[in-house]
C-alpha atoms as a PDB file:
ATOM      1  CA  MET A   1      35.594  51.609 -67.151  1.00  0.00           C
ATOM      2  CA  SER A   2      38.475  50.712 -64.869  1.00  0.00           C
ATOM      3  CA  ARG A   3      38.913  47.052 -63.928  1.00  0.00           C
ATOM      4  CA  THR A   4      41.355  47.850 -61.131  1.00  0.00           C
ATOM      5  CA  ALA A   5      40.928  50.181 -58.186  1.00  0.00           C
ATOM      6  CA  PRO A   6      42.655  53.525 -58.545  1.00  0.00           C
ATOM      7  CA  THR A   7      44.304  55.154 -55.545  1.00  0.00           C
ATOM      8  CA  LEU A   8      42.396  58.244 -54.456  1.00  0.00           C
ATOM      9  CA  THR A   9      43.559  60.813 -51.923  1.00  0.00           C
ATOM     10  CA  THR A  10      41.909  63.412 -49.750  1.00  0.00           C
ATOM     11  CA  ASP A  11      43.408  65.877 -47.306  1.00  0.00           C
ATOM     12  CA  ARG A  12      43.615  63.208 -44.596  1.00  0.00           C
ATOM     13  CA  LEU A  13      43.107  59.847 -46.294  1.00  0.00           C
ATOM     14  CA  THR A  14      44.635  57.530 -48.827  1.00  0.00           C
ATOM     15  CA  ILE A  15      41.857  55.526 -50.425  1.00  0.00           C
ATOM     16  CA  ALA A  16      43.877  52.540 -51.521  1.00  0.00           C
ATOM     17  CA  PRO A  17      43.127  49.381 -53.477  1.00  0.00           C
ATOM     18  CA  MET A  18      42.551  46.533 -51.029  1.00  0.00           C
ATOM     19  CA  ALA A  19      45.811  44.640 -50.555  1.00  0.00           C
ATOM     20  CA  LEU A  20      46.923  41.677 -48.506  1.00  0.00           C
ATOM     21  CA  ASP A  21      48.896  43.898 -46.140  1.00  0.00           C
ATOM     22  CA  HIS A  22      45.600  45.567 -45.114  1.00  0.00           C
ATOM     23  CA  PHE A  23      43.914  42.337 -44.101  1.00  0.00           C
ATOM     24  CA  GLU A  24      45.095  42.034 -40.482  1.00  0.00           C
ATOM     25  CA  ALA A  25      43.802  45.506 -39.599  1.00  0.00           C
ATOM     26  CA  HIS A  26      40.612  44.798 -41.567  1.00  0.00           C
ATOM     27  CA  ALA A  27      39.969  41.536 -39.690  1.00  0.00           C
ATOM     28  CA  THR A  28      40.663  43.180 -36.330  1.00  0.00           C
ATOM     29  CA  ALA A  29      38.262  46.048 -37.057  1.00  0.00           C
ATOM     30  CA  TRP A  30      35.478  43.730 -38.235  1.00  0.00           C
ATOM     31  CA  ALA A  31      35.825  41.551 -35.128  1.00  0.00           C
ATOM     32  CA  ASP A  32      34.831  44.575 -33.011  1.00  0.00           C
ATOM     33  CA  PRO A  33      31.127  44.599 -32.020  1.00  0.00           C
ATOM     34  CA  ASP A  34      31.112  48.413 -32.319  1.00  0.00           C
ATOM     35  CA  MET A  35      32.060  48.152 -36.005  1.00  0.00           C
ATOM     36  CA  THR A  36      29.367  45.593 -36.787  1.00  0.00           C
ATOM     37  CA  ARG A  37      26.513  46.852 -34.596  1.00  0.00           C
ATOM     38  CA  PHE A  38      24.625  48.244 -37.611  1.00  0.00           C
ATOM     39  CA  ILE A  39      26.199  45.994 -40.255  1.00  0.00           C
ATOM     40  CA  GLY A  40      25.021  42.471 -39.657  1.00  0.00           C
ATOM     41  CA  GLY A  41      24.887  42.905 -35.895  1.00  0.00           C
ATOM     42  CA  GLU A  42      27.604  40.378 -35.058  1.00  0.00           C
ATOM     43  CA  PRO A  43      31.393  40.633 -34.979  1.00  0.00           C
ATOM     44  CA  ARG A  44      32.918  38.819 -37.939  1.00  0.00           C
ATOM     45  CA  SER A  45      35.123  35.785 -37.594  1.00  0.00           C
ATOM     46  CA  ARG A  46      38.470  35.871 -39.360  1.00  0.00           C
ATOM     47  CA  ASN A  47      37.066  33.493 -41.985  1.00  0.00           C
ATOM     48  CA  ILE A  48      34.029  35.694 -42.723  1.00  0.00           C
ATOM     49  CA  SER A  49      36.250  38.796 -42.815  1.00  0.00           C
ATOM     50  CA  TRP A  50      38.513  37.078 -45.329  1.00  0.00           C
ATOM     51  CA  GLY A  51      35.580  36.277 -47.620  1.00  0.00           C
ATOM     52  CA  LYS A  52      34.215  39.827 -47.395  1.00  0.00           C
ATOM     53  CA  PHE A  53      37.703  41.239 -47.997  1.00  0.00           C
ATOM     54  CA  LEU A  54      38.067  39.154 -51.158  1.00  0.00           C
ATOM     55  CA  GLN A  55      34.558  40.112 -52.261  1.00  0.00           C
ATOM     56  CA  GLY A  56      35.302  43.832 -51.979  1.00  0.00           C
ATOM     57  CA  ALA A  57      38.539  43.502 -53.912  1.00  0.00           C
ATOM     58  CA  GLY A  58      37.171  41.032 -56.452  1.00  0.00           C
ATOM     59  CA  LEU A  59      34.261  43.165 -57.569  1.00  0.00           C
ATOM     60  CA  TRP A  60      36.662  45.342 -59.553  1.00  0.00           C
ATOM     61  CA  SER A  61      37.435  42.718 -62.166  1.00  0.00           C
ATOM     62  CA  ILE A  62      33.776  41.747 -62.566  1.00  0.00           C
ATOM     63  CA  VAL A  63      31.800  45.026 -62.453  1.00  0.00           C
ATOM     64  CA  GLY A  64      34.459  47.751 -62.745  1.00  0.00           C
ATOM     65  CA  TYR A  65      34.056  49.096 -59.219  1.00  0.00           C
ATOM     66  CA  GLY A  66      34.467  47.730 -55.730  1.00  0.00           C
ATOM     67  CA  TYR A  67      35.844  48.470 -52.302  1.00  0.00           C
ATOM     68  CA  TRP A  68      38.916  50.302 -51.088  1.00  0.00           C
ATOM     69  CA  THR A  69      40.844  50.406 -47.835  1.00  0.00           C
ATOM     70  CA  PHE A  70      40.858  53.776 -46.069  1.00  0.00           C
ATOM     71  CA  LEU A  71      44.239  54.715 -44.584  1.00  0.00           C
ATOM     72  CA  ASP A  72      45.316  57.733 -42.550  1.00  0.00           C
ATOM     73  CA  ARG A  73      47.647  59.673 -44.880  1.00  0.00           C
ATOM     74  CA  LYS A  74      50.035  60.700 -42.105  1.00  0.00           C
ATOM     75  CA  THR A  75      50.410  57.370 -40.319  1.00  0.00           C
ATOM     76  CA  GLY A  76      49.311  54.810 -42.902  1.00  0.00           C
ATOM     77  CA  ASP A  77      47.007  53.293 -40.277  1.00  0.00           C
ATOM     78  CA  TYR A  78      43.842  51.481 -41.346  1.00  0.00           C
ATOM     79  CA  VAL A  79      40.743  53.510 -40.483  1.00  0.00           C
ATOM     80  CA  GLY A  80      38.083  51.632 -42.467  1.00  0.00           C
ATOM     81  CA  ASN A  81      36.916  50.396 -45.819  1.00  0.00           C
ATOM     82  CA  GLY A  82      34.163  50.963 -48.312  1.00  0.00           C
ATOM     83  CA  GLY A  83      33.256  51.918 -51.822  1.00  0.00           C
ATOM     84  CA  LEU A  84      30.747  50.648 -54.358  1.00  0.00           C
ATOM     85  CA  ALA A  85      29.366  47.164 -54.690  1.00  0.00           C
ATOM     86  CA  GLN A  86      26.945  44.848 -56.382  1.00  0.00           C
ATOM     87  CA  PHE A  87      26.197  42.328 -53.646  1.00  0.00           C
ATOM     88  CA  GLU A  88      23.051  40.698 -55.100  1.00  0.00           C
ATOM     89  CA  ARG A  89      21.231  41.054 -51.781  1.00  0.00           C
ATOM     90  CA  GLY A  90      17.783  40.223 -53.124  1.00  0.00           C
ATOM     91  CA  ILE A  91      16.499  43.747 -52.457  1.00  0.00           C
ATOM     92  CA  ALA A  92      14.605  44.934 -55.535  1.00  0.00           C
ATOM     93  CA  GLU A  93      15.450  48.619 -54.974  1.00  0.00           C
ATOM     94  CA  LEU A  94      19.187  47.846 -55.260  1.00  0.00           C
ATOM     95  CA  GLU A  95      19.021  45.797 -58.463  1.00  0.00           C
ATOM     96  CA  GLY A  96      20.904  47.408 -61.327  1.00  0.00           C
ATOM     97  CA  TYR A  97      22.550  50.133 -59.214  1.00  0.00           C
ATOM     98  CA  PRO A  98      25.966  50.432 -57.612  1.00  0.00           C
ATOM     99  CA  GLU A  99      25.550  50.257 -53.827  1.00  0.00           C
ATOM    100  CA  ALA A 100      27.657  52.631 -51.725  1.00  0.00           C
ATOM    101  CA  GLY A 101      28.920  51.385 -48.377  1.00  0.00           C
ATOM    102  CA  TRP A 102      31.348  52.524 -45.708  1.00  0.00           C
ATOM    103  CA  ALA A 103      32.547  51.267 -42.352  1.00  0.00           C
ATOM    104  CA  PHE A 104      35.119  52.659 -39.957  1.00  0.00           C
ATOM    105  CA  ALA A 105      37.041  51.307 -37.012  1.00  0.00           C
ATOM    106  CA  HIS A 106      35.688  52.659 -33.732  1.00  0.00           C
ATOM    107  CA  GLU A 107      38.805  54.791 -33.205  1.00  0.00           C
ATOM    108  CA  ALA A 108      38.043  56.658 -36.454  1.00  0.00           C
ATOM    109  CA  TRP A 109      34.475  57.633 -35.585  1.00  0.00           C
ATOM    110  CA  GLY A 110      33.445  61.264 -35.294  1.00  0.00           C
ATOM    111  CA  LYS A 111      36.315  62.624 -37.400  1.00  0.00           C
ATOM    112  CA  GLY A 112      34.452  63.179 -40.673  1.00  0.00           C
ATOM    113  CA  TYR A 113      36.327  60.392 -42.448  1.00  0.00           C
ATOM    114  CA  ALA A 114      33.187  58.789 -43.896  1.00  0.00           C
ATOM    115  CA  THR A 115      32.062  61.967 -45.624  1.00  0.00           C
ATOM    116  CA  GLU A 116      35.610  62.679 -46.796  1.00  0.00           C
ATOM    117  CA  ALA A 117      36.244  59.192 -48.195  1.00  0.00           C
ATOM    118  CA  MET A 118      32.862  58.753 -49.810  1.00  0.00           C
ATOM    119  CA  THR A 119      32.931  62.230 -51.381  1.00  0.00           C
ATOM    120  CA  ALA A 120      36.130  61.224 -53.187  1.00  0.00           C
ATOM    121  CA  ILE A 121      34.631  57.880 -54.210  1.00  0.00           C
ATOM    122  CA  LEU A 122      31.399  59.436 -55.454  1.00  0.00           C
ATOM    123  CA  ASP A 123      33.378  62.056 -57.403  1.00  0.00           C
ATOM    124  CA  TRP A 124      35.295  59.176 -59.000  1.00  0.00           C
ATOM    125  CA  ALA A 125      31.997  57.369 -59.733  1.00  0.00           C
ATOM    126  CA  ASP A 126      30.567  60.485 -61.372  1.00  0.00           C
ATOM    127  CA  GLY A 127      33.665  60.671 -63.580  1.00  0.00           C
ATOM    128  CA  GLN A 128      33.048  57.044 -64.567  1.00  0.00           C
ATOM    129  CA  GLN A 129      29.412  57.890 -65.404  1.00  0.00           C
ATOM    130  CA  LEU A 130      28.050  55.199 -63.108  1.00  0.00           C
ATOM    131  CA  GLY A 131      24.764  57.080 -62.788  1.00  0.00           C
ATOM    132  CA  GLU A 132      22.465  56.724 -59.813  1.00  0.00           C
ATOM    133  CA  ILE A 133      23.991  55.146 -56.722  1.00  0.00           C
ATOM    134  CA  ARG A 134      22.058  53.661 -53.834  1.00  0.00           C
ATOM    135  CA  CYS A 135      22.845  52.638 -50.271  1.00  0.00           C
ATOM    136  CA  ILE A 136      21.176  50.878 -47.374  1.00  0.00           C
ATOM    137  CA  ILE A 137      21.386  51.949 -43.746  1.00  0.00           C
ATOM    138  CA  ASP A 138      20.114  50.375 -40.548  1.00  0.00           C
ATOM    139  CA  PRO A 139      17.338  52.590 -39.095  1.00  0.00           C
ATOM    140  CA  GLY A 140      19.306  52.933 -35.831  1.00  0.00           C
ATOM    141  CA  ASN A 141      22.529  54.160 -37.419  1.00  0.00           C
ATOM    142  CA  ALA A 142      22.115  57.921 -36.949  1.00  0.00           C
ATOM    143  CA  ALA A 143      25.719  58.679 -37.927  1.00  0.00           C
ATOM    144  CA  SER A 144      25.420  56.986 -41.324  1.00  0.00           C
ATOM    145  CA  HIS A 145      22.066  58.651 -41.991  1.00  0.00           C
ATOM    146  CA  LYS A 146      23.817  62.019 -41.489  1.00  0.00           C
ATOM    147  CA  VAL A 147      26.690  61.002 -43.753  1.00  0.00           C
ATOM    148  CA  ALA A 148      24.287  59.857 -46.484  1.00  0.00           C
ATOM    149  CA  THR A 149      22.465  63.183 -46.346  1.00  0.00           C
ATOM    150  CA  LYS A 150      25.749  65.138 -46.551  1.00  0.00           C
ATOM    151  CA  LEU A 151      26.690  63.059 -49.600  1.00  0.00           C
ATOM    152  CA  GLY A 152      23.449  63.957 -51.399  1.00  0.00           C
ATOM    153  CA  PHE A 153      21.542  60.725 -50.790  1.00  0.00           C
ATOM    154  CA  THR A 154      17.814  60.876 -50.067  1.00  0.00           C
ATOM    155  CA  LYS A 155      15.736  58.151 -48.454  1.00  0.00           C
ATOM    156  CA  PHE A 156      13.141  56.746 -50.841  1.00  0.00           C
ATOM    157  CA  ALA A 157      12.226  53.272 -49.563  1.00  0.00           C
ATOM    158  CA  GLU A 158      12.400  50.792 -46.723  1.00  0.00           C
ATOM    159  CA  SER A 159      13.040  47.072 -46.666  1.00  0.00           C
ATOM    160  CA  HIS A 160      11.844  44.798 -43.889  1.00  0.00           C
ATOM    161  CA  ASP A 161      12.653  41.336 -45.074  1.00  0.00           C
ATOM    162  CA  VAL A 162      15.722  39.886 -46.775  1.00  0.00           C
ATOM    163  CA  ILE A 163      18.434  41.150 -44.384  1.00  0.00           C
ATOM    164  CA  GLY A 164      16.370  42.958 -41.765  1.00  0.00           C
ATOM    165  CA  ASP A 165      15.006  46.455 -41.390  1.00  0.00           C
ATOM    166  CA  LEU A 166      16.755  48.946 -43.664  1.00  0.00           C
ATOM    167  CA  PHE A 167      16.285  52.409 -45.071  1.00  0.00           C
ATOM    168  CA  ILE A 168      17.170  52.676 -48.760  1.00  0.00           C
ATOM    169  CA  TYR A 169      18.707  55.842 -50.144  1.00  0.00           C
ATOM    170  CA  ARG A 170      19.541  57.069 -53.632  1.00  0.00           C
ATOM    171  CA  ARG A 171      21.856  59.688 -55.076  1.00  0.00           C
ATOM    172  CA  LEU A 172      21.603  60.904 -58.633  1.00  0.00           C
ATOM    173  CA  SER A 173      24.842  61.389 -60.531  1.00  0.00           C
ATOM    174  CA  CYS A 174      26.388  64.828 -60.224  1.00  0.00           C
ATOM    175  CA  ALA A 175      28.190  64.456 -63.560  1.00  0.00           C
END
């Protein structure tokens, strides 16, 4: 299993290892209340964004997967971030499974980037034989529910405690 993030590409995106030169755009995006409405509910301070940025990048050396930065292939502009994680959230249905996650700057919404990026990431995960992957989505986030369905996830549980109300999805490996 890889201990560093590979660079993946799609027709419109470069799915790049998280790097220091991505942080300013990352922090700006996560300070936007639109970006965080369904992910924690509050804009992130620069300090919190820094910790989350390091967490996404640092997972690679510990578990062999982690987060990437999503960049527009033509312009190189930051459009979002995501990937696979093991965040130890205290949600029993996530224990022992990679957790898929994605988030996009408001300007990138409605362009199909989430499906495009996560399809590439899930294809990579299948090649790594990571097995079943799960994700959590706020009940009010209709766009992410649609993306999850397009990616082959199915809702199988709900959580109403540790970090709020969530729907829990799973996707069996396609390998």
